[in-house]
């Protein structure tokens, strides 16, 4: 069974360019490049300056609609650049949304093979960014259109089974020794079932923070965060999963000193989500042949194994 099922609808480059040129004549539309394909969207770069994203699954429609409603309200409130979603429209039948913005310059962290020391240097900027997002008043975020995630990002019925399936396939492909991660999963599920996550305060979340969505400048400083399609209100552990996946365990104490205290149950929640997310990243990257993302996913699982 493929981890990466085919798109429900596909907009190819020449059709995307024609659509943008017709809707937005202020964009010259002289050339188009495929920028990337994710599970929900395909992205194109037009004239080397404008990024346009188009839904390729019905599931992604609600996500992009929420992103269009929420992300423009964050302008000027965060310490790094984020997409300025200044173009939007619909395409196809039934109409699905698309969005466009000037490209956020920087290199994706997953392409840089960062050392532990280089990751450690990013801790203050990551803590500052997360603090700024999580400080947005929840009532205000809800008034913009941010609600709970429709896919229930933290739940203990189906997700452990899916994680175990991914671990089994990673082992079959001999990508990594997964036994320590299996033990970690068992321990996290036991810990989370014994605590009350519902009592934790809710915050505004980016919702899909990992190496691919962090942009670094020439000095390897954090300069941008992209792909806000999973923005929602939920448990802070969702975003803090970045700490367990992207940063080595030696950076955790420094992060908490900069970010602030985190309860044991939220910390466990963050590790659980990191394990779920990064096993899926490894499967996806291996299947589509993305060597950079596969390397980074295995690094992340290595960080989690150290703490198993």
Protein backbone atom coordinates (compact mmCIF):
# COMPACT_ATOMS: atom_id res chain seq x y z
CA UNK A 1 0.00 0.00 0.00
CA UNK A 2 1.34 3.41 -0.99
CA UNK A 3 1.90 5.91 1.78
CA UNK A 4 1.35 8.66 -0.74
CA UNK A 5 -2.01 8.14 -2.49
CA UNK A 6 -2.65 9.91 -5.79
CA UNK A 7 -4.14 13.39 -5.87
CA UNK A 8 -7.90 13.76 -6.07
CA UNK A 9 -7.39 16.68 -8.43
CA UNK A 10 -4.25 17.94 -10.16
CA UNK A 11 -3.47 21.35 -11.64
CA UNK A 12 -0.45 21.13 -13.91
CA UNK A 13 2.07 23.91 -14.37
CA UNK A 14 0.87 25.29 -17.72
CA UNK A 15 -2.73 25.44 -16.49
CA UNK A 16 -1.65 27.08 -13.21
CA UNK A 17 0.31 29.72 -15.12
CA UNK A 18 -2.62 30.45 -17.41
CA UNK A 19 -4.99 30.73 -14.43
CA UNK A 20 -2.73 33.15 -12.56
CA UNK A 21 -2.11 35.28 -15.67
CA UNK A 22 -5.85 35.49 -16.32
CA UNK A 23 -6.79 36.37 -12.72
CA UNK A 24 -3.86 38.62 -11.84
CA UNK A 25 -2.61 40.59 -14.85
CA UNK A 26 -0.17 42.53 -12.64
CA UNK A 27 1.96 39.35 -12.53
CA UNK A 28 3.88 38.98 -15.82
CA UNK A 29 3.56 35.18 -15.78
CA UNK A 30 6.55 34.59 -18.03
CA UNK A 31 7.76 31.35 -16.44
CA UNK A 32 6.71 28.78 -13.89
CA UNK A 33 8.61 26.19 -11.87
CA UNK A 34 7.38 23.31 -9.75
CA UNK A 35 8.31 24.28 -6.20
CA UNK A 36 7.02 21.29 -4.27
CA UNK A 37 4.20 18.81 -3.74
CA UNK A 38 2.82 18.03 -0.33
CA UNK A 39 -0.02 15.80 0.76
CA UNK A 40 -2.69 18.51 0.44
CA UNK A 41 -1.23 21.06 -2.00
CA UNK A 42 1.04 21.60 -4.96
CA UNK A 43 3.15 24.77 -5.07
CA UNK A 44 4.54 26.61 -8.09
CA UNK A 45 6.99 29.49 -8.32
CA UNK A 46 6.03 32.07 -10.95
CA UNK A 47 8.60 34.48 -12.39
CA UNK A 48 10.98 33.51 -9.59
CA UNK A 49 9.02 35.74 -7.24
CA UNK A 50 5.49 34.50 -6.55
CA UNK A 51 4.48 31.27 -4.83
CA UNK A 52 1.04 29.89 -5.65
CA UNK A 53 -0.43 26.88 -3.85
CA UNK A 54 -3.35 24.83 -5.13
CA UNK A 55 -5.31 22.19 -3.22
CA UNK A 56 -4.97 18.66 -4.56
CA UNK A 57 -7.30 16.99 -2.04
CA UNK A 58 -10.67 17.99 -0.69
CA UNK A 59 -9.22 17.58 2.80
CA UNK A 60 -6.91 20.51 2.10
CA UNK A 61 -9.70 22.92 1.16
CA UNK A 62 -10.68 23.67 4.75
CA UNK A 63 -7.03 24.03 5.75
CA UNK A 64 -6.28 26.56 3.04
CA UNK A 65 -9.46 28.50 3.77
CA UNK A 66 -8.42 28.76 7.44
CA UNK A 67 -4.91 29.77 6.46
CA UNK A 68 -6.27 32.55 4.22
CA UNK A 69 -8.42 33.81 7.10
CA UNK A 70 -5.83 33.63 9.89
CA UNK A 71 -2.31 34.16 8.56
CA UNK A 72 -2.78 37.72 7.21
CA UNK A 73 -3.79 38.74 10.76
CA UNK A 74 -0.37 37.66 12.04
CA UNK A 75 1.49 40.21 9.93
CA UNK A 76 3.88 42.24 12.06
CA UNK A 77 3.27 40.17 15.19
CA UNK A 78 5.98 37.53 14.73
CA UNK A 79 9.78 37.87 14.85
CA UNK A 80 10.41 36.16 11.48
CA UNK A 81 8.96 36.45 7.98
CA UNK A 82 5.81 34.52 7.08
CA UNK A 83 3.89 34.36 3.80
CA UNK A 84 1.91 37.48 2.92
CA UNK A 85 -1.15 35.88 1.33
CA UNK A 86 -2.11 38.72 -0.98
CA UNK A 87 -3.66 36.71 -3.84
CA UNK A 88 -6.49 34.22 -3.63
CA UNK A 89 -9.16 32.67 -5.79
CA UNK A 90 -10.77 29.39 -6.72
CA UNK A 91 -10.30 26.87 -9.50
CA UNK A 92 -12.07 23.79 -10.86
CA UNK A 93 -15.50 22.34 -10.20
CA UNK A 94 -16.50 22.30 -7.46
CA UNK A 95 -14.37 25.40 -6.78
CA UNK A 96 -11.34 24.82 -4.57
CA UNK A 97 -9.25 27.69 -3.18
CA UNK A 98 -5.76 28.69 -4.15
CA UNK A 99 -3.45 31.29 -2.60
CA UNK A 100 -0.44 33.30 -3.73
CA UNK A 101 2.26 35.35 -2.04
CA UNK A 102 5.68 36.81 -2.63
CA UNK A 103 8.28 34.15 -1.92
CA UNK A 104 9.77 34.11 1.57
CA UNK A 105 13.52 34.00 0.98
CA UNK A 106 15.67 31.46 2.74
CA UNK A 107 16.74 27.84 2.56
CA UNK A 108 14.67 25.06 4.05
CA UNK A 109 16.43 23.67 7.10
CA UNK A 110 15.94 20.13 5.84
CA UNK A 111 18.32 20.80 2.93
CA UNK A 112 21.27 21.96 5.05
CA UNK A 113 22.43 18.86 6.99
CA UNK A 114 22.81 20.94 10.13
CA UNK A 115 25.15 19.85 12.91
CA UNK A 116 24.07 19.62 16.53
CA UNK A 117 25.96 22.84 17.22
CA UNK A 118 24.18 24.69 14.41
CA UNK A 119 20.82 23.48 15.72
CA UNK A 120 21.76 24.58 19.22
CA UNK A 121 22.49 28.07 17.87
CA UNK A 122 18.89 28.25 16.61
CA UNK A 123 17.32 27.66 20.04
CA UNK A 124 16.81 31.34 21.03
CA UNK A 125 15.16 32.20 17.70
CA UNK A 126 12.91 29.12 17.78
CA UNK A 127 11.88 29.86 21.37
CA UNK A 128 11.16 33.50 20.50
CA UNK A 129 9.06 32.51 17.48
CA UNK A 130 7.03 29.93 19.39
CA UNK A 131 6.50 32.30 22.31
CA UNK A 132 5.14 34.95 19.92
CA UNK A 133 2.71 32.58 18.20
CA UNK A 134 1.48 31.07 21.46
CA UNK A 135 0.99 34.51 23.01
CA UNK A 136 -1.72 35.44 20.48
CA UNK A 137 -4.97 35.57 22.50
CA UNK A 138 -7.05 32.49 21.73
CA UNK A 139 -10.31 34.43 21.61
CA UNK A 140 -8.78 36.76 19.05
CA UNK A 141 -7.53 33.83 16.96
CA UNK A 142 -10.95 32.22 17.07
CA UNK A 143 -12.55 35.46 15.87
CA UNK A 144 -10.29 35.23 12.80
CA UNK A 145 -11.46 31.69 12.06
CA UNK A 146 -8.95 29.48 13.90
CA UNK A 147 -10.65 26.50 15.48
CA UNK A 148 -9.72 22.95 16.51
CA UNK A 149 -7.85 20.81 14.02
CA UNK A 150 -10.34 18.65 12.08
CA UNK A 151 -8.04 15.63 12.22
CA UNK A 152 -7.60 15.57 16.02
CA UNK A 153 -3.80 15.82 16.12
CA UNK A 154 -3.55 14.29 19.62
CA UNK A 155 -5.57 11.16 20.15
CA UNK A 156 -4.62 7.81 21.60
CA UNK A 157 -6.92 5.39 19.81
CA UNK A 158 -5.84 5.37 16.16
CA UNK A 159 -2.51 7.18 16.10
CA UNK A 160 -0.45 4.58 18.05
CA UNK A 161 -1.56 1.92 15.58
CA UNK A 162 -0.49 4.09 12.64
CA UNK A 163 2.85 4.85 14.27
CA UNK A 164 3.49 1.14 14.74
CA UNK A 165 2.64 0.53 11.07
CA UNK A 166 5.12 3.19 10.03
CA UNK A 167 7.80 1.80 12.36
CA UNK A 168 7.28 -1.66 10.87
CA UNK A 169 7.72 -0.33 7.33
CA UNK A 170 10.80 1.67 8.33
CA UNK A 171 12.28 -1.55 9.75
CA UNK A 172 11.35 -3.51 6.61
CA UNK A 173 13.19 -0.95 4.48
CA UNK A 174 16.19 -1.13 6.86
CA UNK A 175 16.22 2.62 7.32
CA UNK A 176 16.66 2.55 11.10
CA UNK A 177 16.62 0.27 14.13
CA UNK A 178 13.13 1.03 15.43
CA UNK A 179 13.03 -1.11 18.59
CA UNK A 180 13.87 1.80 20.92
CA UNK A 181 11.16 3.88 19.24
CA UNK A 182 8.62 1.12 19.80
CA UNK A 183 9.47 1.12 23.49
CA UNK A 184 9.22 4.91 23.55
CA UNK A 185 5.77 4.75 21.97
CA UNK A 186 4.54 2.27 24.57
CA UNK A 187 5.84 4.46 27.40
CA UNK A 188 4.32 7.64 25.97
CA UNK A 189 0.91 6.08 25.40
CA UNK A 190 0.86 4.78 28.98
CA UNK A 191 1.91 8.18 30.33
CA UNK A 192 -0.62 10.15 28.26
CA UNK A 193 -3.51 7.84 29.07
CA UNK A 194 -2.83 8.43 32.76
CA UNK A 195 -3.04 12.22 32.55
CA UNK A 196 -5.64 14.83 31.67
CA UNK A 197 -4.51 16.70 28.56
CA UNK A 198 -7.88 18.42 28.37
CA UNK A 199 -6.94 20.49 31.40
CA UNK A 200 -4.05 22.12 29.54
CA UNK A 201 -4.69 25.64 28.19
CA UNK A 202 -5.24 26.03 24.46
CA UNK A 203 -3.05 28.24 22.26
CA UNK A 204 -2.82 29.30 18.64
CA UNK A 205 -0.56 26.83 16.81
CA UNK A 206 1.32 26.76 13.54
CA UNK A 207 0.37 23.09 13.61
CA UNK A 208 2.97 21.62 11.25
CA UNK A 209 6.37 22.74 12.47
CA UNK A 210 9.27 20.70 11.23
CA UNK A 211 12.53 21.20 9.36
CA UNK A 212 10.95 21.64 5.93
CA UNK A 213 8.98 24.67 7.07
CA UNK A 214 11.86 26.49 8.78
CA UNK A 215 13.79 28.88 6.51
CA UNK A 216 17.37 29.86 7.33
CA UNK A 217 19.44 32.74 5.98
CA UNK A 218 23.05 32.64 4.76
CA UNK A 219 24.29 32.79 8.34
CA UNK A 220 22.04 29.84 9.30
CA UNK A 221 19.76 32.08 11.34
CA UNK A 222 16.01 31.54 11.41
CA UNK A 223 14.50 34.02 8.93
CA UNK A 224 11.11 32.58 8.02
CA UNK A 225 8.40 30.01 8.75
CA UNK A 226 6.18 28.84 5.90
CA UNK A 227 3.23 26.52 5.17
CA UNK A 228 0.62 27.53 7.72
CA UNK A 229 -2.07 25.22 6.38
CA UNK A 230 -2.47 23.46 9.74
CA UNK A 231 -2.87 26.65 11.80
CA UNK A 232 -5.41 25.98 14.55
CA UNK A 233 -6.16 26.27 18.25
CA UNK A 234 -5.01 23.32 20.31
CA UNK A 235 -2.53 21.78 22.73
CA UNK A 236 0.85 23.51 22.77
CA UNK A 237 2.55 20.11 22.58
CA UNK A 238 1.77 20.02 18.85
CA UNK A 239 4.19 22.86 18.14
CA UNK A 240 6.67 21.83 20.82
CA UNK A 241 7.16 18.58 18.93
CA UNK A 242 9.67 20.62 16.89
CA UNK A 243 11.92 20.72 19.96
CA UNK A 244 12.08 16.92 20.19
CA UNK A 245 12.43 16.32 16.46
CA UNK A 246 14.59 19.16 15.16
CA UNK A 247 16.77 19.88 18.19
CA UNK A 248 19.15 17.42 19.83
CA UNK A 249 18.29 16.43 23.41
CA UNK A 250 21.23 18.54 24.63
CA UNK A 251 19.29 21.64 23.52
CA UNK A 252 16.14 20.97 25.54
CA UNK A 253 17.27 22.65 28.75
CA UNK A 254 18.35 25.76 26.86
CA UNK A 255 15.05 25.88 24.99
CA UNK A 256 12.97 25.64 28.17
CA UNK A 257 15.04 28.37 29.78
CA UNK A 258 14.17 30.67 26.87
CA UNK A 259 10.58 29.57 26.26
CA UNK A 260 9.38 28.98 29.79
CA UNK A 261 8.17 26.05 31.88
CA UNK A 262 6.27 23.18 30.26
CA UNK A 263 4.33 20.54 32.18
CA UNK A 264 5.40 16.90 32.04
CA UNK A 265 2.20 15.92 30.24
CA UNK A 266 2.66 18.58 27.55
CA UNK A 267 6.30 17.51 27.14
CA UNK A 268 5.11 13.92 26.68
CA UNK A 269 2.45 15.10 24.26
CA UNK A 270 5.16 16.89 22.26
CA UNK A 271 7.30 13.75 22.09
CA UNK A 272 4.31 11.66 21.03
CA UNK A 273 3.44 14.07 18.23
CA UNK A 274 7.09 14.24 17.15
CA UNK A 275 7.20 10.45 16.90
CA UNK A 276 3.96 10.34 14.92
CA UNK A 277 5.00 13.13 12.58
CA UNK A 278 8.58 12.08 11.91
CA UNK A 279 7.75 8.43 11.21
CA UNK A 280 5.27 9.71 8.62
CA UNK A 281 7.90 12.11 7.22
CA UNK A 282 10.39 9.27 6.80
CA UNK A 283 7.84 7.10 5.02
CA UNK A 284 6.78 9.95 2.74
CA UNK A 285 10.34 11.05 1.93
CA UNK A 286 11.49 7.50 1.19
CA UNK A 287 8.54 6.86 -1.10
CA UNK A 288 8.86 10.05 -3.14
CA UNK A 289 12.67 9.95 -3.24
CA UNK A 290 13.32 13.17 -1.29
CA UNK A 291 16.82 12.51 0.00
CA UNK A 292 17.13 15.72 2.01
CA UNK A 293 13.85 15.18 3.82
CA UNK A 294 14.62 11.50 4.44
CA UNK A 295 17.98 12.37 5.97
CA UNK A 296 16.38 14.98 8.21
CA UNK A 297 13.55 12.64 9.23
CA UNK A 298 16.06 9.99 10.26
CA UNK A 299 18.01 12.59 12.25
CA UNK A 300 14.80 13.49 14.05
CA UNK A 301 14.03 9.88 14.87
CA UNK A 302 17.60 9.58 16.09
CA UNK A 303 16.98 12.44 18.50
CA UNK A 304 13.90 10.63 19.79
CA UNK A 305 15.78 7.34 20.14
CA UNK A 306 18.33 8.98 22.43
CA UNK A 307 15.51 9.85 24.83
CA UNK A 308 13.80 6.43 24.58
